[in-house]
């Protein structure tokens, strides 16, 4: 019978379960740190995207867009 490979989460669990409890707490702290870092970076990216867009559109309020027509795109599903 072929042995099933462990998923990444199973490997992390397996390895961390072999550590003493004090080190398991450090692993948990590190996971919390990584999650917090990911959330902060996501918010920073969103703020940067908003700032970039506002800078790209700066001074366009006075432009005349009346010569542009709205183009309707229709997607055909087959």
N, C-alpha and C. Protein backbone atom coordinates (compact mmCIF):
# COMPACT_ATOMS: atom_id res chain seq x y z
N UNK A 1 0.84 -1.18 0.00
CA UNK A 1 0.00 0.00 0.00
C UNK A 1 0.89 1.25 0.00
N UNK A 2 0.52 2.24 -0.79
CA UNK A 2 1.29 3.47 -0.92
C UNK A 2 1.03 4.38 0.28
N UNK A 3 2.12 4.94 0.84
CA UNK A 3 2.00 5.83 1.99
C UNK A 3 1.59 7.22 1.52
N UNK A 4 0.57 7.78 2.16
CA UNK A 4 0.08 9.11 1.82
C UNK A 4 1.04 10.17 2.37
N UNK A 5 1.32 11.19 1.55
CA UNK A 5 2.16 12.29 2.01
C UNK A 5 1.36 13.19 2.93
N UNK A 6 2.04 13.73 3.93
CA UNK A 6 1.39 14.62 4.87
C UNK A 6 1.23 16.01 4.25
N UNK A 7 0.13 16.65 4.59
CA UNK A 7 -0.06 18.03 4.14
C UNK A 7 0.86 18.94 4.97
N UNK A 8 0.99 20.14 4.53
CA UNK A 8 1.86 21.09 5.23
C UNK A 8 1.38 21.32 6.66
N UNK A 9 0.08 21.48 6.84
CA UNK A 9 -0.45 21.71 8.19
C UNK A 9 -0.22 20.49 9.08
N UNK A 10 -0.30 19.30 8.49
CA UNK A 10 -0.02 18.08 9.26
C UNK A 10 1.45 18.01 9.64
N UNK A 11 2.33 18.41 8.74
CA UNK A 11 3.76 18.43 9.05
C UNK A 11 4.07 19.42 10.17
N UNK A 12 3.49 20.60 10.08
CA UNK A 12 3.70 21.61 11.13
C UNK A 12 3.21 21.07 12.47
N UNK A 13 2.04 20.48 12.47
CA UNK A 13 1.47 19.92 13.70
C UNK A 13 2.35 18.80 14.25
N UNK A 14 2.79 17.93 13.37
CA UNK A 14 3.62 16.81 13.79
C UNK A 14 4.94 17.27 14.40
N UNK A 15 5.57 18.22 13.72
CA UNK A 15 6.86 18.71 14.22
C UNK A 15 6.70 19.49 15.52
N UNK A 16 5.68 20.32 15.57
CA UNK A 16 5.51 21.13 16.78
C UNK A 16 5.07 20.29 17.97
N UNK A 17 4.37 19.20 17.72
CA UNK A 17 3.93 18.34 18.84
C UNK A 17 5.11 17.64 19.51
N UNK A 18 6.24 17.58 18.82
CA UNK A 18 7.43 16.95 19.39
C UNK A 18 8.24 17.91 20.25
N UNK A 19 7.88 19.17 20.23
CA UNK A 19 8.59 20.18 21.02
C UNK A 19 8.04 20.23 22.44
N UNK A 20 8.87 20.70 23.37
CA UNK A 20 8.35 20.92 24.72
C UNK A 20 7.33 22.07 24.69
N UNK A 21 6.47 22.12 25.68
CA UNK A 21 5.37 23.09 25.69
C UNK A 21 5.85 24.53 25.59
N UNK A 22 6.96 24.85 26.20
CA UNK A 22 7.45 26.24 26.13
C UNK A 22 7.79 26.63 24.69
N UNK A 23 8.36 25.69 23.94
CA UNK A 23 8.68 25.98 22.54
C UNK A 23 7.42 25.95 21.67
N UNK A 24 6.45 25.13 22.05
CA UNK A 24 5.18 25.14 21.33
C UNK A 24 4.52 26.51 21.46
N UNK A 25 4.64 27.13 22.64
CA UNK A 25 4.09 28.47 22.85
C UNK A 25 4.82 29.49 21.96
N UNK A 26 6.12 29.31 21.80
CA UNK A 26 6.89 30.20 20.90
C UNK A 26 6.43 30.05 19.46
N UNK A 27 6.16 28.81 19.05
CA UNK A 27 5.66 28.56 17.70
C UNK A 27 4.32 29.27 17.52
N UNK A 28 3.45 29.15 18.51
CA UNK A 28 2.15 29.81 18.44
C UNK A 28 2.30 31.33 18.39
N UNK A 29 3.21 31.88 19.17
CA UNK A 29 3.49 33.32 19.13
C UNK A 29 3.97 33.73 17.74
N UNK A 30 4.82 32.91 17.14
CA UNK A 30 5.34 33.23 15.80
C UNK A 30 4.22 33.19 14.77
N UNK A 31 3.32 32.22 14.88
CA UNK A 31 2.17 32.15 13.96
C UNK A 31 1.31 33.40 14.12
N UNK A 32 1.07 33.82 15.37
CA UNK A 32 0.30 35.04 15.61
C UNK A 32 1.01 36.25 14.99
N UNK A 33 2.33 36.31 15.13
CA UNK A 33 3.11 37.39 14.53
C UNK A 33 2.94 37.41 13.02
N UNK A 34 3.05 36.25 12.39
CA UNK A 34 2.91 36.17 10.93
C UNK A 34 1.53 36.60 10.47
N UNK A 35 0.49 36.19 11.20
CA UNK A 35 -0.87 36.60 10.85
C UNK A 35 -1.05 38.11 10.99
N UNK A 36 -0.53 38.68 12.06
CA UNK A 36 -0.62 40.13 12.27
C UNK A 36 0.13 40.87 11.17
N UNK A 37 1.32 40.39 10.85
CA UNK A 37 2.13 41.01 9.79
C UNK A 37 1.39 40.97 8.46
N UNK A 38 0.76 39.84 8.15
CA UNK A 38 0.02 39.69 6.90
C UNK A 38 -1.13 40.69 6.83
N UNK A 39 -1.85 40.85 7.93
CA UNK A 39 -2.98 41.78 7.98
C UNK A 39 -2.49 43.21 7.79
N UNK A 40 -1.43 43.58 8.47
CA UNK A 40 -0.89 44.94 8.37
C UNK A 40 -0.41 45.21 6.95
N UNK A 41 0.30 44.26 6.35
CA UNK A 41 0.80 44.45 4.98
C UNK A 41 -0.36 44.56 3.99
N UNK A 42 -1.42 43.81 4.23
CA UNK A 42 -2.59 43.88 3.36
C UNK A 42 -3.23 45.26 3.43
N UNK A 43 -3.35 45.81 4.65
CA UNK A 43 -3.91 47.15 4.83
C UNK A 43 -3.01 48.20 4.20
N UNK A 44 -1.69 48.04 4.36
CA UNK A 44 -0.75 48.99 3.77
C UNK A 44 -0.85 48.97 2.25
N UNK A 45 -0.99 47.78 1.67
CA UNK A 45 -1.13 47.67 0.22
C UNK A 45 -2.40 48.34 -0.26
N UNK A 46 -3.48 48.18 0.50
CA UNK A 46 -4.75 48.81 0.13
C UNK A 46 -4.64 50.32 0.20
N UNK A 47 -3.98 50.83 1.24
CA UNK A 47 -3.78 52.27 1.36
C UNK A 47 -2.91 52.80 0.23
N UNK A 48 -1.86 52.07 -0.12
CA UNK A 48 -0.98 52.50 -1.20
C UNK A 48 -1.72 52.51 -2.53
N UNK A 49 -2.56 51.50 -2.77
CA UNK A 49 -3.32 51.44 -4.02
C UNK A 49 -4.27 52.63 -4.11
N UNK A 50 -4.92 52.97 -3.00
CA UNK A 50 -5.83 54.12 -2.98
C UNK A 50 -5.06 55.41 -3.23
N UNK A 51 -3.90 55.54 -2.60
CA UNK A 51 -3.06 56.73 -2.79
C UNK A 51 -2.60 56.82 -4.25
N UNK A 52 -2.17 55.70 -4.81
CA UNK A 52 -1.71 55.69 -6.21
C UNK A 52 -2.81 56.12 -7.16
N UNK A 53 -4.01 55.61 -6.93
CA UNK A 53 -5.14 55.96 -7.77
C UNK A 53 -5.47 57.45 -7.65
N UNK A 54 -5.45 57.94 -6.42
CA UNK A 54 -5.76 59.36 -6.24
C UNK A 54 -4.71 60.24 -6.90
N UNK A 55 -3.46 59.82 -6.86
CA UNK A 55 -2.40 60.59 -7.52
C UNK A 55 -2.54 60.52 -9.04
N UNK A 56 -2.93 59.37 -9.55
CA UNK A 56 -3.08 59.20 -11.00
C UNK A 56 -4.22 60.06 -11.53
N UNK A 57 -5.27 60.25 -10.71
CA UNK A 57 -6.43 61.01 -11.15
C UNK A 57 -6.38 62.48 -10.73
N UNK A 58 -5.30 62.85 -10.06
CA UNK A 58 -5.16 64.23 -9.60
C UNK A 58 -5.25 65.19 -10.77
N UNK A 59 -5.96 66.27 -10.58
CA UNK A 59 -6.12 67.34 -11.58
C UNK A 59 -6.94 66.92 -12.79
N UNK A 60 -7.70 65.84 -12.70
CA UNK A 60 -8.55 65.45 -13.83
C UNK A 60 -9.97 65.96 -13.66
N UNK A 61 -10.28 66.57 -12.51
CA UNK A 61 -11.63 67.05 -12.26
C UNK A 61 -12.05 68.10 -13.29
N UNK A 62 -11.11 68.87 -13.78
CA UNK A 62 -11.44 69.96 -14.70
C UNK A 62 -11.44 69.53 -16.17
N UNK A 63 -11.07 68.28 -16.44
CA UNK A 63 -11.03 67.83 -17.83
C UNK A 63 -12.43 67.59 -18.37
N UNK A 64 -12.60 67.83 -19.66
CA UNK A 64 -13.89 67.63 -20.33
C UNK A 64 -13.92 66.24 -20.96
N UNK A 65 -14.77 65.39 -20.43
CA UNK A 65 -14.89 64.02 -20.93
C UNK A 65 -16.11 63.85 -21.83
N UNK A 66 -16.74 64.95 -22.23
CA UNK A 66 -17.97 64.86 -23.01
C UNK A 66 -17.77 64.24 -24.39
N UNK A 67 -16.56 64.25 -24.91
CA UNK A 67 -16.29 63.65 -26.22
C UNK A 67 -16.22 62.13 -26.16
N UNK A 68 -16.16 61.58 -24.97
CA UNK A 68 -16.07 60.14 -24.81
C UNK A 68 -17.46 59.53 -24.71
N UNK A 69 -17.66 58.42 -25.36
CA UNK A 69 -18.92 57.72 -25.26
C UNK A 69 -18.74 56.50 -24.36
N UNK A 70 -19.78 56.20 -23.66
CA UNK A 70 -19.73 54.99 -22.85
C UNK A 70 -19.91 53.79 -23.77
N UNK A 71 -19.00 52.87 -23.70
CA UNK A 71 -19.07 51.68 -24.53
C UNK A 71 -19.65 50.57 -23.69
N UNK A 72 -20.64 49.91 -24.24
CA UNK A 72 -21.26 48.81 -23.52
C UNK A 72 -20.64 47.50 -24.01
N UNK A 73 -20.16 46.77 -23.11
CA UNK A 73 -19.57 45.47 -23.45
C UNK A 73 -20.56 44.37 -23.08
N UNK A 74 -20.79 43.51 -24.01
CA UNK A 74 -21.66 42.37 -23.74
C UNK A 74 -20.84 41.11 -23.83
N UNK A 75 -21.00 40.28 -22.85
CA UNK A 75 -20.26 39.03 -22.85
C UNK A 75 -21.20 37.93 -23.30
N UNK A 76 -20.78 37.23 -24.30
CA UNK A 76 -21.61 36.14 -24.83
C UNK A 76 -21.17 34.82 -24.22
N UNK A 77 -22.12 34.12 -23.73
CA UNK A 77 -21.85 32.79 -23.15
C UNK A 77 -22.35 31.75 -24.12
N UNK A 78 -21.50 30.86 -24.45
CA UNK A 78 -21.87 29.78 -25.37
C UNK A 78 -22.00 28.47 -24.63
